[in-house]
Amino acid sequence: MVTQPEYISPIGLLSRRISQVRWLMVFRWLLVGCQAATVMVTWPLWQVRTLPPMLPALPLPAFDMGWLLLASLAVILIRPQIGLILSTGLFIYAILIDQTRLQPEVVSLMLLTWGTLPDANALAVGRGHLVALWVWAGANKLLSPVFMQGTAQWMLGGLLPNAPEWLYVNAGYVIGGTELAVGVLAIFPRTRKLAGVLAFGLHMGILLTLSPLVHNYNSAVWAWNLALVFAGLVMIAPWREPVLTSLKRCRRPVAALVVFLLLSPFGFYVGMMDAYLSHNLYSSNIPQAQTTALDPRVTWDMLNVPLPPERRLFEAFFRQTCKVGEVMVIRDTRWWFVQQGAGFVRLVCGEPLP
């Protein structure tokens, strides 16, 4: 029996379009609030400081960014396009003068906010980011031994302290597999509503686990996970077109950007993309640094965020804080780096870089 395609009248299509635009606007307000909350709970990160040192990508003038960022976010609520251009420019400038600010929650919330504009190009960027986030965050967790054998049990144990033994042992597969499954389900029109529902449960669970109700950990990402609780329902569940059809409706540079968002995280494994830009979250297959000098983990206490786990940032941090003779060791377990002989690097303060 051949199923006839569903007929929707022009009035019905218009009504659906108006409803979607309205929900995207409401979601935009939530995203702006979440980004503002993120800036406020990491306030010292956005100010000029000497310790922990600022790690510039370019030699640009440095000045306090916190109030400017909050003001630009407020503009988004009044004039979305102008506000997004202004806010994005300020966040990019803030990161260029201090790469410590290259935090996944900040980048993700900005991309999602762009996706709330009533435009096929902007919406494609937001959707592409969500699919990439779920697919690669799940895959990276499944490839991380420490997550599979430790972090996942820590997360599950806080939320379900009396979880069955089989669930506790396989928590890594459940969490990472669910995240990966949400991303895959979001690709196909028939399963996108299910993806939205699963994303709601997944991120609600993560938010509760990290919240003061359970572990009270990493408050910088609480607002981000709150936004992700609803992202699938607002941006993925109503999406009816096949992926290729949506891409064909976009301008070529935008379609290329979406493809880049989807595929570029693979570059992490060959040293071409940063861990956080590749959705490598709560995993252990990232560069790790140990030192007799000031520990880079001091950023957790002083800025409420981790130092992004990149060799160039560990080296820059060490060179700005060490005393002559102090040592930093950087280990990288990625296959590509091990094969290149770069899996182990030893830095000595006062000596040239290897």
Protein backbone atom coordinates (compact mmCIF):
# COMPACT_ATOMS: atom_id res chain seq x y z
CA MET A 1 0.00 0.00 0.00
CA VAL A 2 1.42 3.37 -1.07
CA THR A 3 1.11 6.11 1.52
CA GLN A 4 0.11 9.47 0.11
CA PRO A 5 2.18 12.44 1.28
CA GLU A 6 0.54 14.58 3.92
CA TYR A 7 -1.26 17.58 2.44
CA ILE A 8 -0.95 20.81 4.34
CA SER A 9 -2.89 23.84 3.16
CA PRO A 10 -1.11 27.16 2.58
CA ILE A 11 -2.86 28.53 5.67
CA GLY A 12 -1.62 25.55 7.66
CA LEU A 13 1.92 26.09 6.43
CA LEU A 14 1.76 29.77 7.35
CA SER A 15 0.39 28.93 10.81
CA ARG A 16 3.17 26.41 11.36
CA ARG A 17 5.77 28.96 10.23
CA ILE A 18 4.43 31.65 12.59
CA SER A 19 4.41 29.18 15.48
CA GLN A 20 8.01 28.15 14.78
CA VAL A 21 9.20 31.76 14.58
CA ARG A 22 7.47 32.53 17.89
CA TRP A 23 9.14 29.60 19.64
CA LEU A 24 12.53 30.54 18.18
CA MET A 25 12.08 34.06 19.60
CA VAL A 26 11.26 32.68 23.05
CA PHE A 27 14.25 30.36 22.82
CA ARG A 28 16.45 33.32 21.81
CA TRP A 29 15.54 35.10 25.03
CA LEU A 30 16.47 31.98 26.99
CA LEU A 31 19.80 31.69 25.16
CA VAL A 32 20.65 35.34 25.80
CA GLY A 33 19.83 34.88 29.47
CA CYS A 34 21.98 31.75 29.62
CA GLN A 35 24.92 33.48 27.94
CA ALA A 36 24.59 36.44 30.32
CA ALA A 37 24.49 34.06 33.29
CA THR A 38 27.60 32.31 31.98
CA VAL A 39 29.48 35.60 31.73
CA MET A 40 28.44 36.57 35.25
CA VAL A 41 29.45 33.29 36.93
CA THR A 42 32.84 33.52 35.17
CA TRP A 43 33.20 37.29 35.64
CA PRO A 44 36.97 37.38 36.41
CA LEU A 45 37.59 35.55 33.12
CA TRP A 46 36.41 38.57 31.10
CA GLN A 47 38.52 41.16 32.92
CA VAL A 48 42.13 42.23 32.38
CA ARG A 49 44.34 40.38 34.86
CA THR A 50 47.88 39.28 35.55
CA LEU A 51 47.16 35.97 37.28
CA PRO A 52 46.24 33.56 35.84
CA PRO A 53 47.97 35.13 32.86
CA MET A 54 46.08 36.22 29.77
CA LEU A 55 47.06 34.10 26.75
CA PRO A 56 46.54 36.25 23.64
CA ALA A 57 46.28 34.86 20.13
CA LEU A 58 47.07 38.29 18.67
CA PRO A 59 48.83 41.33 20.19
CA LEU A 60 45.69 43.45 20.49
CA PRO A 61 44.83 46.03 23.16
CA ALA A 62 43.35 44.40 26.26
CA PHE A 63 40.56 45.91 28.33
CA ASP A 64 37.75 44.68 30.58
CA MET A 65 35.07 42.97 28.47
CA GLY A 66 32.40 41.89 30.96
CA TRP A 67 30.04 44.89 30.85
CA LEU A 68 30.47 45.28 27.08
CA LEU A 69 29.48 41.67 26.54
CA LEU A 70 26.39 41.99 28.74
CA ALA A 71 25.36 45.18 26.95
CA SER A 72 25.73 43.53 23.54
CA LEU A 73 23.58 40.61 24.70
CA ALA A 74 20.87 43.06 25.74
CA VAL A 75 20.90 44.55 22.23
CA ILE A 76 20.05 41.09 20.82
CA LEU A 77 16.69 41.25 22.62
CA ILE A 78 15.84 44.54 20.89
CA ARG A 79 17.53 44.23 17.49
CA PRO A 80 18.50 40.55 17.06
CA GLN A 81 20.65 40.78 13.93
CA ILE A 82 22.55 43.90 14.96
CA GLY A 83 22.94 42.60 18.49
CA LEU A 84 24.26 39.23 17.29
CA ILE A 85 26.82 40.86 15.00
CA LEU A 86 27.97 43.14 17.83
CA SER A 87 28.00 40.40 20.47
CA THR A 88 29.78 37.88 18.23
CA GLY A 89 32.42 40.44 17.33
CA LEU A 90 33.03 41.26 21.00
CA PHE A 91 33.27 37.61 22.02
CA ILE A 92 35.73 36.93 19.19
CA TYR A 93 37.82 39.92 20.25
CA ALA A 94 37.70 38.77 23.88
CA ILE A 95 39.01 35.33 22.84
CA LEU A 96 41.73 36.81 20.63
CA ILE A 97 43.15 38.72 23.61
CA ASP A 98 42.85 35.72 25.93
CA GLN A 99 42.45 32.15 24.65
CA THR A 100 41.47 30.97 28.11
CA ARG A 101 38.03 32.33 27.15
CA LEU A 102 37.66 29.76 24.35
CA GLN A 103 35.15 27.82 26.42
CA PRO A 104 32.69 25.39 24.77
CA GLU A 105 29.60 26.82 26.46
CA VAL A 106 30.32 30.35 25.20
CA VAL A 107 30.84 29.24 21.59
CA SER A 108 27.85 26.90 21.62
CA LEU A 109 25.41 29.44 23.06
CA MET A 110 26.47 31.99 20.45
CA LEU A 111 25.97 29.55 17.55
CA LEU A 112 22.58 28.51 18.92
CA THR A 113 21.52 32.14 19.26
CA TRP A 114 22.36 32.73 15.61
CA GLY A 115 20.14 29.74 14.84
CA THR A 116 17.09 31.48 16.28
CA LEU A 117 16.94 34.10 13.54
CA PRO A 118 13.96 33.54 11.18
CA ASP A 119 16.23 32.67 8.26
CA ALA A 120 17.01 29.31 6.65
CA ASN A 121 20.75 30.04 6.64
CA ALA A 122 20.95 30.95 10.32
CA LEU A 123 18.72 28.06 11.35
CA ALA A 124 20.90 25.61 9.41
CA VAL A 125 23.96 26.79 11.36
CA GLY A 126 22.19 26.23 14.70
CA ARG A 127 20.94 22.81 13.68
CA GLY A 128 24.30 21.78 12.25
CA HIS A 129 25.99 22.77 15.49
CA LEU A 130 23.54 20.72 17.55
CA VAL A 131 23.97 17.60 15.43
CA ALA A 132 27.77 17.93 15.55
CA LEU A 133 27.69 18.55 19.31
CA TRP A 134 25.69 15.43 20.08
CA VAL A 135 27.43 13.10 17.62
CA TRP A 136 30.99 14.09 18.47
CA ALA A 137 30.48 14.58 22.22
CA GLY A 138 29.06 11.08 22.39
CA ALA A 139 31.76 9.56 20.18
CA ASN A 140 34.56 11.29 22.10
CA LYS A 141 33.20 9.95 25.38
CA LEU A 142 33.03 6.41 23.99
CA LEU A 143 36.69 6.73 22.93
CA SER A 144 37.78 7.96 26.36
CA PRO A 145 38.87 5.20 28.80
CA VAL A 146 38.71 7.49 31.84
CA PHE A 147 35.18 8.58 31.01
CA MET A 148 34.05 5.02 30.37
CA GLN A 149 35.60 3.67 33.57
CA GLY A 150 35.31 6.58 35.97
CA THR A 151 33.62 9.84 35.01
CA ALA A 152 30.46 8.13 33.75
CA GLN A 153 30.09 6.23 37.04
CA TRP A 154 30.61 9.50 38.95
CA MET A 155 27.82 11.13 36.95
CA LEU A 156 25.41 8.21 37.25
CA GLY A 157 26.20 7.58 40.92
CA GLY A 158 25.23 11.12 41.87
CA LEU A 159 21.95 10.98 40.01
CA LEU A 160 21.04 7.34 40.80
CA PRO A 161 23.01 6.26 43.87
CA ASN A 162 21.21 2.91 43.95
CA ALA A 163 21.56 2.14 40.26
CA PRO A 164 21.65 -1.57 39.31
CA GLU A 165 25.13 -3.03 38.98
CA TRP A 166 24.78 -3.63 35.22
CA LEU A 167 23.81 0.01 34.68
CA TYR A 168 26.65 1.28 36.86
CA VAL A 169 29.23 -0.82 35.01
CA ASN A 170 27.92 0.23 31.60
CA ALA A 171 27.23 3.87 32.46
CA GLY A 172 29.76 5.06 29.90
CA TYR A 173 27.99 3.27 27.08
CA VAL A 174 24.61 4.55 28.27
CA ILE A 175 25.64 8.22 28.52
CA GLY A 176 27.95 8.39 25.51
CA GLY A 177 25.70 6.16 23.44
CA THR A 178 22.61 8.23 24.24
CA GLU A 179 24.38 11.44 23.26
CA LEU A 180 25.56 9.89 19.99
CA ALA A 181 22.09 8.48 19.33
CA VAL A 182 20.45 11.89 19.79
CA GLY A 183 22.74 13.33 17.11
CA VAL A 184 22.05 10.48 14.68
CA LEU A 185 18.27 10.64 15.27
CA ALA A 186 18.37 14.39 14.60
CA ILE A 187 19.63 13.73 11.06
CA PHE A 188 16.51 11.89 9.86
CA PRO A 189 13.12 13.65 9.57
CA ARG A 190 11.11 10.72 10.97
CA THR A 191 13.15 10.49 14.17
CA ARG A 192 13.67 14.17 14.99
CA LYS A 193 10.81 14.39 17.48
CA LEU A 194 12.34 11.44 19.34
CA ALA A 195 15.72 13.22 19.21
CA GLY A 196 14.15 16.30 20.81
CA VAL A 197 12.63 14.25 23.62
CA LEU A 198 15.86 12.32 24.26
CA ALA A 199 17.88 15.54 24.26
CA PHE A 200 15.49 16.98 26.85
CA GLY A 201 16.07 13.99 29.15
CA LEU A 202 19.81 13.80 28.48
CA HIS A 203 20.60 17.41 29.30
CA MET A 204 18.15 17.56 32.18
CA GLY A 205 20.03 14.62 33.67
CA ILE A 206 23.40 16.33 33.09
CA LEU A 207 22.12 19.59 34.58
CA LEU A 208 20.79 17.85 37.68
CA THR A 209 24.02 15.87 38.07
CA LEU A 210 26.18 19.00 37.97
CA SER A 211 23.78 21.16 40.00
CA PRO A 212 23.94 21.86 43.77
CA LEU A 213 21.34 19.10 44.21
CA VAL A 214 23.96 16.47 43.37
CA HIS A 215 27.66 17.23 42.71
CA ASN A 216 27.62 21.05 42.66
CA TYR A 217 30.29 21.01 39.95
CA ASN A 218 31.30 23.29 37.05
CA SER A 219 28.70 26.03 37.44
CA ALA A 220 29.95 27.67 34.24
CA VAL A 221 28.07 25.08 32.16
CA TRP A 222 24.81 24.98 34.10
CA ALA A 223 23.14 27.67 32.00
CA TRP A 224 24.42 26.04 28.81
CA ASN A 225 22.85 22.70 29.71
CA LEU A 226 19.61 24.47 30.61
CA ALA A 227 19.54 25.86 27.07
CA LEU A 228 20.34 22.44 25.60
CA VAL A 229 17.42 20.94 27.53
CA PHE A 230 15.08 22.80 25.17
CA ALA A 231 17.27 23.10 22.06
CA GLY A 232 16.19 19.79 20.56
CA LEU A 233 12.49 20.48 21.08
CA VAL A 234 12.68 23.96 19.53
CA MET A 235 15.23 23.53 16.73
CA ILE A 236 15.21 19.83 15.82
CA ALA A 237 11.74 18.39 16.50
CA PRO A 238 9.89 20.81 14.11
CA TRP A 239 12.47 20.30 11.33
CA ARG A 240 10.72 18.43 8.48
CA GLU A 241 13.13 18.67 5.52
CA PRO A 242 15.88 16.18 4.65
CA VAL A 243 19.36 17.45 5.44
CA LEU A 244 20.35 17.90 1.79
CA THR A 245 17.20 19.90 1.06
CA SER A 246 17.96 22.24 3.95
CA LEU A 247 21.54 22.68 2.75
CA LYS A 248 20.41 23.45 -0.80
CA ARG A 249 18.27 26.29 0.55
CA CYS A 250 21.34 27.89 2.11
CA ARG A 251 23.86 30.17 0.50
CA ARG A 252 26.99 28.29 -0.52
CA PRO A 253 29.25 29.82 2.17
CA VAL A 254 26.67 28.95 4.84
CA ALA A 255 26.27 25.39 3.53
CA ALA A 256 30.06 25.06 3.60
CA LEU A 257 30.10 26.33 7.20
CA VAL A 258 27.48 23.75 8.24
CA VAL A 259 29.49 20.94 6.63
CA PHE A 260 32.59 22.27 8.39
CA LEU A 261 30.78 22.22 11.74
CA LEU A 262 29.77 18.61 11.13
CA LEU A 263 33.13 17.25 9.95
CA SER A 264 35.83 19.45 11.51
CA PRO A 265 35.80 17.78 14.96
CA PHE A 266 37.63 14.84 13.37
CA GLY A 267 40.55 17.24 13.02
CA PHE A 268 41.12 17.02 16.77
CA TYR A 269 42.61 13.57 16.34
CA VAL A 270 45.27 14.87 13.95
CA GLY A 271 45.98 18.13 15.75
CA MET A 272 44.02 20.43 13.44
CA MET A 273 41.18 21.40 15.83
CA ASP A 274 41.03 22.31 19.49
CA ALA A 275 39.45 19.84 21.90
CA TYR A 276 36.61 22.11 22.98
CA LEU A 277 35.80 23.15 19.40
CA SER A 278 35.60 19.41 18.65
CA HIS A 279 33.11 18.76 21.47
CA ASN A 280 35.64 16.82 23.52
CA LEU A 281 33.94 17.20 26.91
CA TYR A 282 34.52 15.21 30.12
CA SER A 283 36.87 12.89 28.23
CA SER A 284 40.49 11.97 28.88
CA ASN A 285 41.89 11.64 25.35
CA ILE A 286 43.14 15.22 25.49
CA PRO A 287 46.57 16.71 26.29
CA GLN A 288 47.38 16.59 30.00
CA ALA A 289 49.95 18.78 31.79
CA GLN A 290 51.84 18.26 35.04
CA THR A 291 54.24 20.83 36.41
CA THR A 292 56.38 21.84 39.35
CA ALA A 293 55.43 25.46 38.58
CA LEU A 294 52.01 27.07 38.98
CA ASP A 295 49.41 24.45 38.09
CA PRO A 296 47.23 25.42 35.09
CA ARG A 297 44.26 24.05 37.02
CA VAL A 298 44.40 27.23 39.10
CA THR A 299 42.01 28.70 36.52
CA TRP A 300 39.27 26.53 38.04
CA ASP A 301 39.61 28.35 41.36
CA MET A 302 40.29 31.85 40.05
CA LEU A 303 38.20 32.00 36.86
CA ASN A 304 35.65 29.21 37.38
CA VAL A 305 36.69 27.54 34.11
CA PRO A 306 39.39 25.09 33.06
CA LEU A 307 42.29 26.13 30.87
CA PRO A 308 41.43 24.72 27.41
CA PRO A 309 43.52 21.54 27.08
CA GLU A 310 45.85 22.57 24.26
CA ARG A 311 49.62 22.18 24.15
CA ARG A 312 50.14 25.76 22.95
CA LEU A 313 48.17 27.09 25.94
CA PHE A 314 49.94 24.87 28.46
CA GLU A 315 53.27 26.08 27.07
CA ALA A 316 52.23 29.74 27.10
CA PHE A 317 50.86 29.45 30.64
CA PHE A 318 54.07 27.78 31.81
CA ARG A 319 56.37 30.35 30.18
CA GLN A 320 54.47 33.23 31.82
CA THR A 321 54.34 31.74 35.33
CA CYS A 322 57.41 29.54 35.81
CA LYS A 323 60.70 30.16 37.58
CA VAL A 324 64.05 29.08 36.19
CA GLY A 325 64.50 25.33 36.51
CA GLU A 326 60.83 24.47 36.98
CA VAL A 327 59.46 21.74 34.73
CA MET A 328 56.24 21.00 32.83
CA VAL A 329 55.45 17.65 31.24
CA ILE A 330 52.74 17.42 28.59
CA ARG A 331 51.34 14.02 27.67
CA ASP A 332 49.15 13.38 24.64
CA THR A 333 47.74 9.89 24.05
CA ARG A 334 46.25 10.58 20.63
CA TRP A 335 47.58 8.04 18.11
CA TRP A 336 48.70 10.71 15.65
CA PHE A 337 50.86 12.50 18.20
CA VAL A 338 52.33 9.30 19.58
CA GLN A 339 53.35 8.25 16.06
CA GLN A 340 54.95 11.66 15.49
CA GLY A 341 56.96 11.36 18.68
CA ALA A 342 55.02 14.21 20.26
CA GLY A 343 53.12 12.18 22.83
CA PHE A 344 55.51 13.30 25.57
CA VAL A 345 56.97 16.81 25.84
CA ARG A 346 59.18 18.09 28.65
CA LEU A 347 59.61 21.83 29.14
CA VAL A 348 62.22 23.41 31.42
CA CYS A 349 61.82 27.03 32.40
CA GLY A 350 64.62 29.13 30.97
CA GLU A 351 65.42 26.69 28.15
CA PRO A 352 64.28 26.97 24.49
CA LEU A 353 61.08 25.18 23.47
CA PRO A 354 61.68 21.67 22.06
